[in-house]
Amino acid sequence: MKYTKIKIDYKLPQEIWAAFREEDKIMIYDTGNQEGIIGIDTLPDSVEAEVMFTFHTLPFDENIVSSKWQGMSKTSQKYRIYIELYKTQSNMYYLGEKPVFQTAEVIRQIHKYTYQKDDFNKWSKLFEGIKQQMDIEKVEKVVASREVTLDCETPVNVESVLDKLIYNNETSYVFAYQKKDRVFLGATPELLVSKKGIDITSFALAGTIAKEGNQDSELGRRLLNDAKNRHEHAIVIDTIANKMRKISNNVKISPTSLRELKNLYHLESKISTWDKTHSLLEWAKILHPTPAMGGNPSHKAMALIRKYEKHDRGLFAAPIGIVDQQGNGIFIVGIRSALIEKNRIHVYAGCGIVEQSDCQKEYQETNSKLQTILECL
């Protein structure tokens, strides 16, 4: 079966998402360039159709898949309808009959919710347990995470949350993945890997400082010169570059710069190479988890995460990607994110623990990262 292509008037991603309320669907949208892809209505494996785009999700840790993430954290999926979004127009591809839809108005909603605001004691036990074992086992870095569960008075208005995510995050990838009554969504600044022809690109994004009003510019400069954060960032650069060098000798690393987000600054470095033999999906598996998501060395860090974290990360900090007919595309990392189950929201945030880390400061960093989701409720 072949897809039919038509041009449609440009519509906002959240309005298209709202128009298909019942179907399973997925979206990756680059807010900076105002372009992306939405896949609607999953195709069963038995349907033979040309490859337009394939969406992939990989679990953070293949050894742990709880019922909460069942059927979501490891998929390779094609869809009956694809909508390519650009600044001024959109393309729609569809199998079978032309879909009839009218984009739905997105009404912003304020969600009333309750949650345990102060879980510092729980975090402290996690932090100290990991930190002690790091010293014993000679682990350079471990990325620890929190899962904060909110209970809302009403079902979560996903379109409203998406609308605010897109509005608030002008230089991120806003993503959403709906599987029946569960939705995983967020606004990630992190591109794991992209492929265009033989060009392979990744980014090291590690080292963080929260914004504080009028001091923003000074805080950014402080981050660039902070020894602890530069060290944490260098670990990520070296690991990604070394993995690339096992495949190609032609690896380039850009100078480290500041990545500014709504609530935070990060240190960022571009790392690139070229490769004719490996697919984009293979590259995602080669690079995941980077030390920005797991730690270093990876196998020891992952073992400590399994031992001390009490929640299944699922797609949090995991690769989510789209690949086109030519094998080109991107994999982003599912951070600044939440899993929505009707009235309940599981919000995730993590931070890197290294020798110089302070428990209270790292906790505050995760609080800043949680705001990406919380301020959209």
Protein backbone atom coordinates (compact mmCIF):
# COMPACT_ATOMS: atom_id res chain seq x y z
CA MET A 1 0.00 0.00 0.00
CA LYS A 2 1.15 3.52 -0.83
CA TYR A 3 0.47 6.74 0.98
CA THR A 4 -1.42 9.63 -0.62
CA LYS A 5 0.14 13.05 -0.11
CA ILE A 6 -1.80 16.32 0.12
CA LYS A 7 -0.96 19.81 1.31
CA ILE A 8 -2.99 21.25 4.17
CA ASP A 9 -3.09 24.67 5.76
CA TYR A 10 -0.59 24.99 8.56
CA LYS A 11 -2.05 24.08 11.90
CA LEU A 12 -0.51 24.23 15.34
CA PRO A 13 0.70 20.83 16.58
CA GLN A 14 -1.48 20.93 19.67
CA GLU A 15 -4.59 21.64 17.54
CA ILE A 16 -3.89 18.65 15.30
CA TRP A 17 -3.25 16.49 18.36
CA ALA A 18 -6.59 17.58 19.81
CA ALA A 19 -8.42 16.72 16.56
CA PHE A 20 -7.58 13.02 16.93
CA ARG A 21 -8.58 12.41 20.54
CA GLU A 22 -9.17 8.67 20.41
CA GLU A 23 -6.32 7.44 18.20
CA ASP A 24 -2.91 6.35 19.42
CA LYS A 25 -0.40 8.89 18.19
CA ILE A 26 3.06 10.36 18.55
CA MET A 27 4.68 13.75 17.91
CA ILE A 28 8.16 15.23 17.83
CA TYR A 29 8.17 19.00 17.28
CA ASP A 30 11.22 21.28 17.06
CA THR A 31 9.97 24.53 18.57
CA GLY A 32 13.03 26.50 17.47
CA ASN A 33 12.58 25.71 13.77
CA GLN A 34 8.79 25.27 14.07
CA GLU A 35 8.74 21.93 12.29
CA GLY A 36 8.04 18.35 13.19
CA ILE A 37 6.13 15.13 12.51
CA ILE A 38 2.90 13.76 13.95
CA GLY A 39 1.95 10.10 13.45
CA ILE A 40 -1.70 9.16 13.95
CA ASP A 41 -3.47 5.77 14.16
CA THR A 42 -0.95 2.94 14.52
CA LEU A 43 -0.71 0.28 11.82
CA PRO A 44 -0.59 -3.39 12.83
CA ASP A 45 2.49 -5.30 11.71
CA SER A 46 0.32 -7.35 9.33
CA VAL A 47 -0.37 -4.29 7.15
CA GLU A 48 2.21 -3.98 4.39
CA ALA A 49 2.78 -0.33 3.57
CA GLU A 50 5.62 1.72 2.15
CA VAL A 51 7.96 3.15 4.75
CA MET A 52 7.16 6.82 5.18
CA PHE A 53 8.34 7.38 8.72
CA THR A 54 8.97 4.96 11.56
CA PHE A 55 8.82 6.07 15.18
CA HIS A 56 10.99 4.23 17.68
CA THR A 57 11.07 4.20 21.47
CA LEU A 58 13.74 2.48 23.52
CA PRO A 59 13.52 1.96 27.30
CA PHE A 60 16.00 3.67 29.55
CA ASP A 61 16.90 0.26 30.97
CA GLU A 62 15.89 -2.89 29.08
CA ASN A 63 16.26 -4.90 32.29
CA ILE A 64 13.37 -3.06 33.97
CA VAL A 65 9.89 -2.72 32.45
CA SER A 66 7.05 -2.23 34.93
CA SER A 67 3.35 -2.50 34.15
CA LYS A 68 3.12 1.29 34.11
CA TRP A 69 5.27 1.39 30.97
CA GLN A 70 4.08 -1.86 29.36
CA GLY A 71 3.78 -1.54 25.59
CA MET A 72 5.28 1.97 25.50
CA SER A 73 8.95 1.80 26.33
CA LYS A 74 10.10 -0.41 23.45
CA THR A 75 8.30 0.07 20.15
CA SER A 76 8.92 0.39 16.42
CA GLN A 77 5.74 1.78 14.96
CA LYS A 78 4.28 2.97 11.65
CA TYR A 79 1.09 5.03 11.41
CA ARG A 80 -1.83 5.36 8.98
CA ILE A 81 -1.57 9.15 8.92
CA TYR A 82 1.50 11.37 9.01
CA ILE A 83 1.49 15.15 9.15
CA GLU A 84 4.68 17.06 8.41
CA LEU A 85 4.64 20.44 10.08
CA TYR A 86 6.47 23.46 8.74
CA LYS A 87 6.25 27.18 9.50
CA THR A 88 3.84 28.07 6.69
CA GLN A 89 2.27 24.84 5.44
CA SER A 90 1.93 21.14 6.18
CA ASN A 91 1.96 17.88 4.27
CA MET A 92 -0.38 15.04 5.08
CA TYR A 93 0.28 11.41 4.10
CA TYR A 94 -2.45 8.82 4.60
CA LEU A 95 -3.43 5.25 3.77
CA GLY A 96 -6.98 4.41 2.72
CA GLU A 97 -9.65 7.07 2.81
CA LYS A 98 -8.75 10.70 3.22
CA PRO A 99 -9.17 11.59 6.92
CA VAL A 100 -11.80 14.19 7.65
CA PHE A 101 -10.88 16.32 10.60
CA GLN A 102 -11.21 19.81 11.90
CA THR A 103 -8.52 21.05 14.23
CA ALA A 104 -9.87 21.48 17.72
CA GLU A 105 -9.58 24.66 19.72
CA VAL A 106 -7.17 24.22 22.60
CA ILE A 107 -8.48 25.73 25.80
CA ARG A 108 -5.86 26.24 28.47
CA GLN A 109 -6.78 24.66 31.75
CA ILE A 110 -5.51 25.15 35.28
CA HIS A 111 -5.13 21.78 36.96
CA LYS A 112 -5.63 21.51 40.70
CA TYR A 113 -3.46 18.79 42.13
CA THR A 114 -1.89 17.43 45.29
CA TYR A 115 1.52 15.86 45.81
CA GLN A 116 4.23 15.40 48.39
CA LYS A 117 6.21 18.58 47.91
CA ASP A 118 9.00 17.76 50.33
CA ASP A 119 10.56 14.39 49.53
CA PHE A 120 14.06 15.51 50.51
CA ASN A 121 14.53 12.67 53.02
CA LYS A 122 13.80 10.14 50.28
CA TRP A 123 16.18 11.95 47.95
CA SER A 124 18.85 12.16 50.62
CA LYS A 125 18.83 8.39 51.13
CA LEU A 126 19.12 7.86 47.38
CA PHE A 127 21.90 10.42 47.05
CA GLU A 128 23.96 9.19 49.99
CA GLY A 129 23.57 5.53 49.02
CA ILE A 130 24.79 6.20 45.50
CA LYS A 131 27.56 8.55 46.62
CA GLN A 132 28.95 6.03 49.12
CA GLN A 133 28.99 3.25 46.53
CA MET A 134 30.60 5.54 43.96
CA ASP A 135 33.56 6.01 46.29
CA ILE A 136 33.83 2.26 46.93
CA GLU A 137 33.45 1.13 43.31
CA LYS A 138 35.38 4.01 41.69
CA VAL A 139 32.45 5.35 39.68
CA GLU A 140 33.05 8.80 38.24
CA LYS A 141 29.42 9.88 37.76
CA VAL A 142 25.89 8.60 38.36
CA VAL A 143 22.73 10.34 37.18
CA ALA A 144 20.08 9.94 39.88
CA SER A 145 16.43 10.78 39.29
CA ARG A 146 13.21 11.59 41.11
CA GLU A 147 9.66 10.54 40.29
CA VAL A 148 7.09 12.94 41.73
CA THR A 149 3.46 11.75 41.50
CA LEU A 150 0.62 14.29 41.28
CA ASP A 151 -3.07 13.52 41.71
CA CYS A 152 -5.33 15.96 39.85
CA GLU A 153 -8.94 16.73 40.68
CA THR A 154 -9.93 16.24 37.03
CA PRO A 155 -8.49 14.25 34.08
CA VAL A 156 -5.42 15.96 32.68
CA ASN A 157 -6.08 18.14 29.64
CA VAL A 158 -3.19 16.91 27.49
CA GLU A 159 -3.74 19.49 24.74
CA SER A 160 -3.54 22.29 27.29
CA VAL A 161 -0.27 20.92 28.67
CA LEU A 162 1.15 20.58 25.14
CA ASP A 163 0.07 24.12 24.30
CA LYS A 164 1.96 25.51 27.29
CA LEU A 165 5.01 23.28 26.65
CA ILE A 166 5.31 24.64 23.11
CA TYR A 167 4.76 28.24 24.24
CA ASN A 168 7.23 28.05 27.15
CA ASN A 169 10.07 26.17 25.43
CA GLU A 170 11.25 28.06 22.38
CA THR A 171 14.42 26.05 21.77
CA SER A 172 13.43 22.49 22.69
CA TYR A 173 11.86 19.41 21.19
CA VAL A 174 8.30 19.07 22.45
CA PHE A 175 7.17 15.46 22.23
CA ALA A 176 4.09 13.44 23.08
CA TYR A 177 3.30 9.75 22.77
CA GLN A 178 -0.22 8.45 23.40
CA LYS A 179 -0.96 4.76 23.94
CA LYS A 180 -4.62 4.24 24.86
CA ASP A 181 -5.17 6.10 28.14
CA ARG A 182 -1.50 6.90 28.82
CA VAL A 183 0.48 9.84 27.45
CA PHE A 184 4.19 10.46 27.86
CA LEU A 185 5.16 14.03 27.02
CA GLY A 186 7.74 16.70 27.67
CA ALA A 187 10.02 19.41 26.29
CA THR A 188 13.56 18.13 25.97
CA PRO A 189 16.62 20.20 25.10
CA GLU A 190 18.60 17.03 24.41
CA LEU A 191 19.27 15.57 20.97
CA LEU A 192 20.88 12.16 21.34
CA VAL A 193 21.79 11.68 17.67
CA SER A 194 20.76 12.77 14.20
CA LYS A 195 21.58 11.30 10.79
CA LYS A 196 21.56 13.09 7.44
CA GLY A 197 23.17 11.00 4.74
CA ILE A 198 26.48 9.92 6.22
CA ASP A 199 26.64 12.80 8.72
CA ILE A 200 26.14 11.75 12.34
CA THR A 201 25.67 14.43 15.02
CA SER A 202 25.25 14.26 18.78
CA PHE A 203 25.31 16.82 21.57
CA ALA A 204 26.82 16.73 25.03
CA LEU A 205 24.44 18.55 27.35
CA ALA A 206 25.58 18.44 30.97
CA GLY A 207 26.33 20.99 33.63
CA THR A 208 23.39 23.05 34.89
CA ILE A 209 22.58 26.24 36.74
CA ALA A 210 19.10 27.57 37.53
CA LYS A 211 18.16 31.09 36.52
CA GLU A 212 17.57 33.72 39.22
CA GLY A 213 15.91 36.77 37.72
CA ASN A 214 18.25 39.70 37.07
CA GLN A 215 21.36 37.60 37.71
CA ASP A 216 20.80 35.39 34.67
CA SER A 217 23.72 36.65 32.57
CA GLU A 218 26.18 36.45 35.47
CA LEU A 219 24.96 32.93 36.32
CA GLY A 220 25.58 31.82 32.74
CA ARG A 221 29.15 33.10 32.87
CA ARG A 222 29.63 31.41 36.23
CA LEU A 223 28.49 28.09 34.78
CA LEU A 224 30.98 28.33 31.93
CA ASN A 225 33.80 28.72 34.46
CA ASP A 226 32.58 26.33 37.14
CA ALA A 227 35.06 23.47 37.68
CA LYS A 228 32.48 20.93 38.90
CA ASN A 229 30.11 21.48 35.97
CA ARG A 230 32.93 21.62 33.39
CA HIS A 231 34.18 18.29 34.71
CA GLU A 232 30.70 16.76 34.50
CA HIS A 233 30.36 18.09 30.95
CA ALA A 234 33.77 16.78 29.90
CA ILE A 235 32.78 13.26 30.97
CA VAL A 236 29.86 13.35 28.52
CA ILE A 237 31.95 14.76 25.67
CA ASP A 238 34.71 12.18 26.10
CA THR A 239 32.32 9.22 26.28
CA ILE A 240 30.33 10.20 23.17
CA ALA A 241 33.48 11.02 21.21
CA ASN A 242 35.18 7.76 22.21
CA LYS A 243 32.15 5.72 21.14
CA MET A 244 32.19 7.51 17.79
CA ARG A 245 35.92 6.88 17.36
CA LYS A 246 35.30 3.12 17.54
CA ILE A 247 33.43 3.52 14.25
CA SER A 248 35.08 6.53 12.61
CA ASN A 249 38.38 8.38 13.05
CA ASN A 250 36.83 11.60 11.79
CA VAL A 251 35.30 12.99 15.02
CA LYS A 252 34.90 16.74 15.54
CA ILE A 253 34.08 18.46 18.85
CA SER A 254 32.83 22.04 18.93
CA PRO A 255 33.83 24.52 21.64
CA THR A 256 31.59 24.37 24.71
CA SER A 257 28.88 27.02 24.82
CA LEU A 258 25.83 27.97 26.88
CA ARG A 259 22.38 26.55 26.09
CA GLU A 260 19.71 28.85 27.49
CA LEU A 261 16.30 27.48 28.46
CA LYS A 262 13.36 29.10 30.22
CA ASN A 263 14.46 28.17 33.75
CA LEU A 264 18.03 26.93 33.29
CA TYR A 265 21.37 27.22 31.57
CA HIS A 266 23.26 24.13 30.37
CA LEU A 267 26.73 23.57 28.99
CA GLU A 268 26.54 22.24 25.43
CA SER A 269 29.02 20.84 22.90
CA LYS A 270 28.37 19.46 19.42
CA ILE A 271 30.10 16.19 18.50
CA SER A 272 29.98 14.91 14.93
CA THR A 273 31.37 12.26 12.62
CA TRP A 274 30.45 10.40 9.43
CA ASP A 275 29.46 6.79 8.90
CA LYS A 276 28.21 4.73 5.94
CA THR A 277 27.48 1.45 7.68
CA HIS A 278 25.27 1.93 10.77
CA SER A 279 21.59 2.90 10.82
CA LEU A 280 20.24 5.73 12.93
CA LEU A 281 18.57 3.21 15.25
CA GLU A 282 21.92 1.45 15.67
CA TRP A 283 23.55 4.76 16.52
CA ALA A 284 20.91 5.45 19.17
CA LYS A 285 21.66 2.09 20.76
CA ILE A 286 25.42 2.73 20.56
CA LEU A 287 25.22 6.10 22.33
CA HIS A 288 22.49 5.40 24.90
CA PRO A 289 22.80 5.98 27.77
CA THR A 290 25.24 8.85 27.63
CA PRO A 291 26.83 9.93 30.92
CA ALA A 292 24.30 12.79 30.92
CA MET A 293 21.52 10.22 31.46
CA GLY A 294 23.19 7.25 33.15
CA GLY A 295 26.72 7.94 34.33
CA ASN A 296 30.30 6.83 33.83
CA PRO A 297 31.41 4.10 33.50
CA SER A 298 28.01 3.21 32.15
CA HIS A 299 27.67 -0.38 33.37
CA LYS A 300 28.60 0.50 36.96
CA ALA A 301 26.40 3.60 36.99
CA MET A 302 23.42 1.65 35.66
CA ALA A 303 23.91 -1.00 38.34
CA LEU A 304 23.76 1.67 41.05
CA ILE A 305 20.64 3.22 39.51
CA ARG A 306 18.94 -0.19 39.51
CA LYS A 307 19.95 -0.74 43.13
CA TYR A 308 18.92 2.60 44.64
CA GLU A 309 16.15 4.07 42.52
CA LYS A 310 12.72 2.72 43.47
CA HIS A 311 10.92 3.71 40.24
CA ASP A 312 11.07 2.43 36.68
CA ARG A 313 12.23 5.29 34.46
CA GLY A 314 10.55 3.76 31.41
CA LEU A 315 10.91 6.40 28.68
CA PHE A 316 12.29 9.05 31.00
CA ALA A 317 15.87 9.80 29.85
CA ALA A 318 15.37 7.26 27.05
CA PRO A 319 15.66 7.56 23.24
CA ILE A 320 12.59 8.57 21.22
CA GLY A 321 13.11 8.87 17.50
CA ILE A 322 11.78 9.16 13.98
CA VAL A 323 13.38 7.73 10.84
CA ASP A 324 12.35 8.53 7.25
CA GLN A 325 12.45 6.49 4.03
CA GLN A 326 16.13 7.29 3.46
CA GLY A 327 17.15 6.31 6.98
CA ASN A 328 17.60 9.92 8.09
CA GLY A 329 16.07 11.40 11.22
CA ILE A 330 16.63 12.16 14.88
CA PHE A 331 16.55 10.58 18.31
CA ILE A 332 15.80 12.88 21.21
CA VAL A 333 16.05 12.03 24.91
CA GLY A 334 12.83 11.97 26.96
CA ILE A 335 13.77 14.36 29.77
CA ARG A 336 11.80 17.30 31.29
CA SER A 337 8.92 14.90 31.00
CA ALA A 338 5.91 13.23 32.59
CA LEU A 339 3.73 10.16 32.19
CA ILE A 340 0.01 10.97 32.36
CA GLU A 341 -2.54 8.35 33.41
CA LYS A 342 -5.97 10.01 33.44
CA ASN A 343 -5.93 12.06 36.69
CA ARG A 344 -2.44 11.01 37.75
CA ILE A 345 0.86 12.46 36.55
CA HIS A 346 4.32 11.02 37.19
CA VAL A 347 6.85 13.83 36.72
CA TYR A 348 10.57 13.06 36.32
CA ALA A 349 13.81 14.94 36.82
CA GLY A 350 17.43 13.90 37.27
CA CYS A 351 20.89 15.28 37.96
CA GLY A 352 24.47 14.11 37.75
CA ILE A 353 26.25 13.09 40.96
CA VAL A 354 30.02 13.48 40.90
CA GLU A 355 32.64 13.70 43.65
CA GLN A 356 32.00 17.42 44.29
CA SER A 357 28.18 17.13 44.35
CA ASP A 358 26.15 18.51 47.24
CA CYS A 359 22.91 16.73 48.19
CA GLN A 360 20.84 19.88 48.81
CA LYS A 361 22.06 21.65 45.66
CA GLU A 362 21.33 18.63 43.47
CA TYR A 363 17.86 18.39 44.96
CA GLN A 364 17.23 22.04 44.11
CA GLU A 365 18.46 21.39 40.58
CA THR A 366 15.88 18.65 40.12
CA ASN A 367 13.21 21.03 41.47
CA SER A 368 14.15 23.52 38.76
CA LYS A 369 13.89 20.82 36.11
CA LEU A 370 10.48 19.67 37.39
CA GLN A 371 9.17 23.16 36.62
CA THR A 372 9.12 22.41 32.88
CA ILE A 373 6.07 20.22 33.54
CA LEU A 374 4.65 21.78 36.70
CA GLU A 375 4.33 25.28 35.21
CA CYS A 376 2.26 23.80 32.35
CA LEU A 377 -0.42 22.50 34.72
